[in-house]
Amino acid sequence: MARWRVLIVMIAAWIAATSAIHAQAYLPENNLAYPVQVLVAEGGGTGFFIRRGSDLFLATARHVLYDIAAAQPRAREFTLRALSKDLKETTVTVMHVNAAQLADSHAIRTDDQRDVAVVRLGSLRPDRLDTTPGVVVSERSRGGIIVAPFDYLTRYSEVDVSSQIFMFGYPSVGVAGFSQIDTTRPLVRGGIVAGLNPTLKTIIIDAPVNHGNSGGPVVQLSRTNRLRIIGIATQFIPVPEDVIGQKPSDSTMLALGNSGYGVVASADAIIDLINSF
């Protein structure tokens, strides 16, 4: 009888755990408004808004805004495009950012090693946004933007291997012209935390990161079934692929493909940069 009781308890625990996972394996609809499209000349990526007190920040990947090789901004200006909280609304909020001006005033701060950039965009008031000099709002949605509270950011030490994650972004680079992809709207991808790198404090996810995903928020379904932001997508992990020449005389070439694993810079870098303002 004791063995049967143990078995029944184990089955009940498994059913309860499975039910909890399935019950939470979705996102509230307005979460799709979290990712912000970052438009830069000849490129771009994703980011998201964060609020600490009244201060409004943008977090994204450093390489989205900066040419790493040249160690300078990719362009003097970039544009932010944010969906409305009301996803039925077609009007979006658009901000034009003078990167050179903000860099000179130290309103852009970067973590070069962890490939993270944070931009102070202004101060949120009950009825308006007082923008940082160099930031101009040209369009506003009636529903307003979605902003992540600062305390939604979850440090590396609280990330659990095998926990469920969702990654938001605009992986539209390379798929332009493909009719099934609406490049003006974000896509969400699901996966799990595959592993951790304690030396670099980076997170490996079992979800492929594509061009345009860089800087997009990655959220974890925590042990208490709450969604928390654990970092931003920064790169994919490549895997060698053989590419055979089209002619018999061509030699075999080696190319790098997407392994299906992605790298996430932990939210520690975002927290540290925001705290430096």
Protein backbone atom coordinates (compact mmCIF):
# COMPACT_ATOMS: atom_id res chain seq x y z
CA MET A 1 0.00 0.00 0.00
CA ALA A 2 2.87 2.38 0.85
CA ARG A 3 4.31 1.96 -2.66
CA TRP A 4 0.90 2.72 -4.19
CA ARG A 5 0.57 5.85 -2.04
CA VAL A 6 3.99 7.08 -3.19
CA LEU A 7 3.06 6.41 -6.83
CA ILE A 8 -0.27 8.24 -6.47
CA VAL A 9 1.47 11.23 -4.87
CA MET A 10 4.06 11.33 -7.67
CA ILE A 11 1.38 11.19 -10.37
CA ALA A 12 -0.65 13.92 -8.64
CA ALA A 13 2.44 16.14 -8.37
CA TRP A 14 3.26 15.60 -12.05
CA ILE A 15 -0.31 16.45 -13.11
CA ALA A 16 -0.28 19.59 -10.96
CA ALA A 17 3.06 20.74 -12.37
CA THR A 18 1.99 20.00 -15.94
CA SER A 19 -1.30 21.82 -15.47
CA ALA A 20 0.50 24.88 -14.10
CA ILE A 21 2.86 24.96 -17.06
CA HIS A 22 0.07 24.61 -19.61
CA ALA A 23 -2.07 27.16 -17.79
CA GLN A 24 0.72 29.77 -18.05
CA ALA A 25 2.17 28.88 -21.46
CA TYR A 26 0.76 31.96 -23.13
CA LEU A 27 1.24 35.71 -23.03
CA PRO A 28 -1.32 38.39 -22.30
CA GLU A 29 -2.19 39.99 -25.64
CA ASN A 30 -0.72 43.40 -24.85
CA ASN A 31 2.72 41.86 -24.21
CA LEU A 32 3.22 41.99 -27.97
CA ALA A 33 3.50 45.78 -27.59
CA TYR A 34 6.60 45.46 -25.38
CA PRO A 35 9.20 45.19 -28.17
CA VAL A 36 10.17 48.51 -29.76
CA GLN A 37 11.39 48.53 -33.36
CA VAL A 38 14.75 50.29 -33.65
CA LEU A 39 15.29 51.61 -37.18
CA VAL A 40 18.87 52.49 -38.11
CA ALA A 41 20.25 53.24 -41.57
CA GLU A 42 21.16 49.95 -43.27
CA GLY A 43 20.14 47.90 -40.27
CA GLY A 44 18.16 47.96 -37.09
CA GLY A 45 16.93 45.72 -34.33
CA THR A 46 14.68 45.66 -31.30
CA GLY A 47 14.57 47.20 -27.85
CA PHE A 48 12.11 47.92 -25.04
CA PHE A 49 11.14 50.77 -22.73
CA ILE A 50 11.91 50.75 -19.00
CA ARG A 51 10.69 53.14 -16.31
CA ARG A 52 12.63 53.88 -13.11
CA GLY A 53 10.79 56.50 -11.11
CA SER A 54 9.81 59.10 -13.70
CA ASP A 55 12.79 58.38 -15.98
CA LEU A 56 12.13 56.62 -19.30
CA PHE A 57 14.88 54.49 -20.83
CA LEU A 58 15.37 52.35 -23.92
CA ALA A 59 17.38 49.14 -23.62
CA THR A 60 18.78 47.46 -26.72
CA ALA A 61 21.90 45.70 -27.97
CA ARG A 62 24.95 47.93 -28.37
CA HIS A 63 25.69 46.64 -31.87
CA VAL A 64 22.25 47.80 -33.04
CA LEU A 65 23.30 51.43 -32.44
CA TYR A 66 27.08 51.23 -32.79
CA ASP A 67 29.43 50.00 -35.47
CA ILE A 68 31.59 47.74 -33.31
CA ALA A 69 34.60 47.80 -35.65
CA ALA A 70 34.58 51.59 -36.01
CA ALA A 71 33.58 52.17 -32.36
CA GLN A 72 31.12 54.88 -33.34
CA PRO A 73 27.36 55.26 -33.86
CA ARG A 74 26.08 53.59 -37.03
CA ALA A 75 24.23 56.79 -37.92
CA ARG A 76 23.69 60.26 -36.47
CA GLU A 77 20.02 59.46 -35.96
CA PHE A 78 17.82 56.45 -35.35
CA THR A 79 14.06 56.00 -35.08
CA LEU A 80 11.97 54.15 -32.51
CA ARG A 81 8.59 52.73 -33.45
CA ALA A 82 6.35 51.45 -30.64
CA LEU A 83 2.96 49.77 -30.94
CA SER A 84 0.02 51.02 -28.92
CA LYS A 85 -1.11 49.28 -25.73
CA ASP A 86 -4.36 48.80 -27.65
CA LEU A 87 -3.24 46.34 -30.32
CA LYS A 88 -6.33 47.12 -32.39
CA GLU A 89 -5.07 50.67 -32.87
CA THR A 90 -3.05 51.16 -36.04
CA THR A 91 -1.41 54.43 -34.99
CA VAL A 92 2.02 53.93 -33.44
CA THR A 93 4.31 56.11 -31.36
CA VAL A 94 7.39 57.27 -33.28
CA MET A 95 10.48 58.88 -31.72
CA HIS A 96 13.43 60.31 -33.64
CA VAL A 97 16.68 60.18 -31.68
CA ASN A 98 19.79 62.23 -32.42
CA ALA A 99 22.38 59.64 -31.42
CA ALA A 100 25.32 62.03 -31.72
CA GLN A 101 23.70 64.62 -29.44
CA LEU A 102 22.71 62.05 -26.83
CA ALA A 103 26.15 60.48 -26.89
CA ASP A 104 27.76 63.91 -26.30
CA SER A 105 25.45 64.53 -23.32
CA HIS A 106 26.09 61.01 -21.94
CA ALA A 107 22.42 60.08 -22.33
CA ILE A 108 23.57 56.89 -24.10
CA ARG A 109 25.60 54.48 -22.00
CA THR A 110 26.96 51.13 -23.09
CA ASP A 111 28.40 47.93 -21.70
CA ASP A 112 30.81 46.96 -24.44
CA GLN A 113 31.67 43.51 -23.09
CA ARG A 114 28.06 42.45 -22.66
CA ASP A 115 26.80 44.22 -25.83
CA VAL A 116 24.14 46.31 -24.10
CA ALA A 117 23.12 49.94 -24.60
CA VAL A 118 20.75 52.07 -22.53
CA VAL A 119 19.35 55.41 -23.72
CA ARG A 120 17.70 57.96 -21.43
CA LEU A 121 14.75 59.24 -23.47
CA GLY A 122 13.18 61.64 -20.97
CA SER A 123 10.84 61.92 -18.00
CA LEU A 124 7.31 60.53 -17.86
CA ARG A 125 4.68 62.88 -16.46
CA PRO A 126 1.02 62.03 -15.77
CA ASP A 127 -0.05 63.72 -18.99
CA ARG A 128 3.09 63.91 -21.14
CA LEU A 129 6.67 62.86 -21.84
CA ASP A 130 9.37 65.48 -21.32
CA THR A 131 11.99 64.28 -23.78
CA THR A 132 15.75 64.46 -23.45
CA PRO A 133 17.24 67.11 -25.80
CA GLY A 134 17.79 65.28 -29.07
CA VAL A 135 14.63 63.14 -28.79
CA VAL A 136 11.58 64.23 -30.80
CA VAL A 137 8.19 62.49 -30.74
CA SER A 138 6.58 62.83 -34.19
CA GLU A 139 3.59 60.48 -33.74
CA ARG A 140 1.63 59.30 -30.71
CA SER A 141 -0.84 56.46 -30.35
CA ARG A 142 -3.99 57.11 -28.33
CA GLY A 143 -3.43 53.99 -26.25
CA GLY A 144 0.10 54.98 -25.30
CA ILE A 145 3.25 52.87 -25.03
CA ILE A 146 3.94 49.87 -22.81
CA VAL A 147 6.78 50.48 -20.37
CA ALA A 148 8.39 47.80 -18.20
CA PRO A 149 8.77 48.78 -14.53
CA PHE A 150 12.40 48.71 -13.38
CA ASP A 151 11.67 45.95 -10.88
CA TYR A 152 10.57 43.61 -13.70
CA LEU A 153 14.26 43.22 -14.55
CA THR A 154 15.55 39.96 -13.10
CA ARG A 155 19.22 39.42 -12.29
CA TYR A 156 21.31 36.55 -13.62
CA SER A 157 21.33 34.83 -10.22
CA GLU A 158 17.54 34.34 -10.46
CA VAL A 159 17.53 32.68 -13.89
CA ASP A 160 16.62 28.99 -13.84
CA VAL A 161 17.97 26.47 -16.33
CA SER A 162 15.11 24.69 -18.18
CA SER A 163 12.62 27.46 -17.34
CA GLN A 164 10.29 28.53 -20.14
CA ILE A 165 11.16 31.75 -21.98
CA PHE A 166 9.62 34.02 -24.61
CA MET A 167 11.66 36.22 -26.93
CA PHE A 168 10.21 39.29 -28.64
CA GLY A 169 11.59 41.04 -31.67
CA TYR A 170 11.46 42.26 -35.24
CA PRO A 171 13.42 39.55 -37.11
CA SER A 172 12.46 41.10 -40.44
CA VAL A 173 15.96 41.44 -41.92
CA GLY A 174 16.31 38.84 -44.66
CA VAL A 175 12.60 38.17 -44.98
CA ALA A 176 11.61 41.39 -46.73
CA GLY A 177 9.19 40.61 -49.51
CA PHE A 178 7.96 37.39 -47.91
CA SER A 179 4.21 37.94 -47.88
CA GLN A 180 3.52 36.00 -44.67
CA ILE A 181 5.70 38.33 -42.58
CA ASP A 182 4.34 41.75 -41.59
CA THR A 183 7.57 43.64 -40.94
CA THR A 184 5.70 46.34 -39.00
CA ARG A 185 4.71 43.93 -36.23
CA PRO A 186 6.85 41.92 -33.82
CA LEU A 187 7.12 38.16 -33.59
CA VAL A 188 7.37 36.09 -30.44
CA ARG A 189 9.36 32.88 -30.12
CA GLY A 190 9.24 30.38 -27.29
CA GLY A 191 11.94 28.16 -25.83
CA ILE A 192 13.76 27.33 -22.63
CA VAL A 193 16.87 28.43 -20.78
CA ALA A 194 19.38 25.89 -22.11
CA GLY A 195 22.35 26.91 -19.99
CA LEU A 196 24.28 29.64 -18.21
CA ASN A 197 27.77 31.11 -18.57
CA PRO A 198 28.80 32.26 -15.08
CA THR A 199 32.02 33.87 -16.33
CA LEU A 200 30.31 36.19 -18.79
CA LYS A 201 26.92 36.18 -17.02
CA THR A 202 25.23 35.36 -20.29
CA ILE A 203 22.25 33.07 -20.79
CA ILE A 204 21.96 30.44 -23.52
CA ILE A 205 18.45 29.85 -24.77
CA ASP A 206 17.09 27.03 -26.90
CA ALA A 207 15.57 29.48 -29.39
CA PRO A 208 17.23 30.80 -32.55
CA VAL A 209 18.07 34.50 -32.65
CA ASN A 210 17.79 36.01 -36.13
CA HIS A 211 18.89 39.35 -37.57
CA GLY A 212 16.55 41.99 -36.19
CA ASN A 213 15.98 40.14 -32.88
CA SER A 214 19.04 41.82 -31.39
CA GLY A 215 18.13 43.92 -28.37
CA GLY A 216 14.71 42.32 -27.99
CA PRO A 217 13.50 41.49 -24.48
CA VAL A 218 13.58 37.89 -23.27
CA VAL A 219 11.17 36.99 -20.47
CA GLN A 220 11.23 33.98 -18.17
CA LEU A 221 8.28 32.18 -16.68
CA SER A 222 9.49 32.07 -13.08
CA ARG A 223 8.97 29.40 -10.43
CA THR A 224 6.00 31.40 -9.18
CA ASN A 225 4.51 31.53 -12.71
CA ARG A 226 5.29 35.22 -13.15
CA LEU A 227 6.83 36.68 -16.30
CA ARG A 228 10.08 38.54 -15.63
CA ILE A 229 12.60 40.12 -18.03
CA ILE A 230 15.92 38.26 -17.82
CA GLY A 231 17.80 40.13 -20.54
CA ILE A 232 18.06 40.93 -24.23
CA ALA A 233 18.90 38.79 -27.24
CA THR A 234 22.35 39.64 -28.62
CA GLN A 235 23.47 36.95 -31.06
CA PHE A 236 22.93 33.47 -32.43
CA ILE A 237 25.35 30.61 -31.86
CA PRO A 238 26.70 29.49 -35.24
CA VAL A 239 27.27 25.95 -36.41
CA PRO A 240 29.50 24.98 -39.37
CA GLU A 241 27.67 23.86 -42.50
CA ASP A 242 29.15 22.35 -45.64
CA VAL A 243 28.21 24.19 -48.80
CA ILE A 244 28.94 22.26 -51.98
CA GLY A 245 29.93 24.15 -55.10
CA GLN A 246 27.42 24.18 -57.95
CA LYS A 247 29.93 22.71 -60.43
CA PRO A 248 31.82 19.43 -60.03
CA SER A 249 35.11 21.33 -60.19
CA ASP A 250 34.13 23.66 -57.35
CA SER A 251 35.65 22.86 -53.98
CA THR A 252 33.54 22.42 -50.88
CA MET A 253 33.06 25.67 -48.96
CA LEU A 254 32.32 26.04 -45.27
CA ALA A 255 29.55 28.36 -44.10
CA LEU A 256 28.14 29.15 -40.70
CA GLY A 257 24.49 28.41 -40.03
CA ASN A 258 22.21 29.10 -37.08
CA SER A 259 22.51 26.34 -34.49
CA GLY A 260 19.12 27.14 -32.97
CA TYR A 261 20.71 28.38 -29.75
CA GLY A 262 20.80 32.07 -28.87
CA VAL A 263 22.78 34.27 -26.50
CA VAL A 264 21.05 36.58 -24.04
CA ALA A 265 22.87 39.35 -22.19
CA SER A 266 21.52 39.17 -18.66
CA ALA A 267 19.49 42.04 -17.23
CA ASP A 268 22.37 42.76 -14.82
CA ALA A 269 23.99 44.93 -17.50
CA ILE A 270 20.77 46.88 -18.05
CA ILE A 271 20.27 47.37 -14.30
CA ASP A 272 23.87 48.53 -13.83
CA LEU A 273 23.71 50.99 -16.73
CA ILE A 274 20.41 52.51 -15.56
CA ASN A 275 21.78 52.84 -12.03
CA SER A 276 24.77 54.74 -13.45
CA PHE A 277 22.58 57.68 -14.54
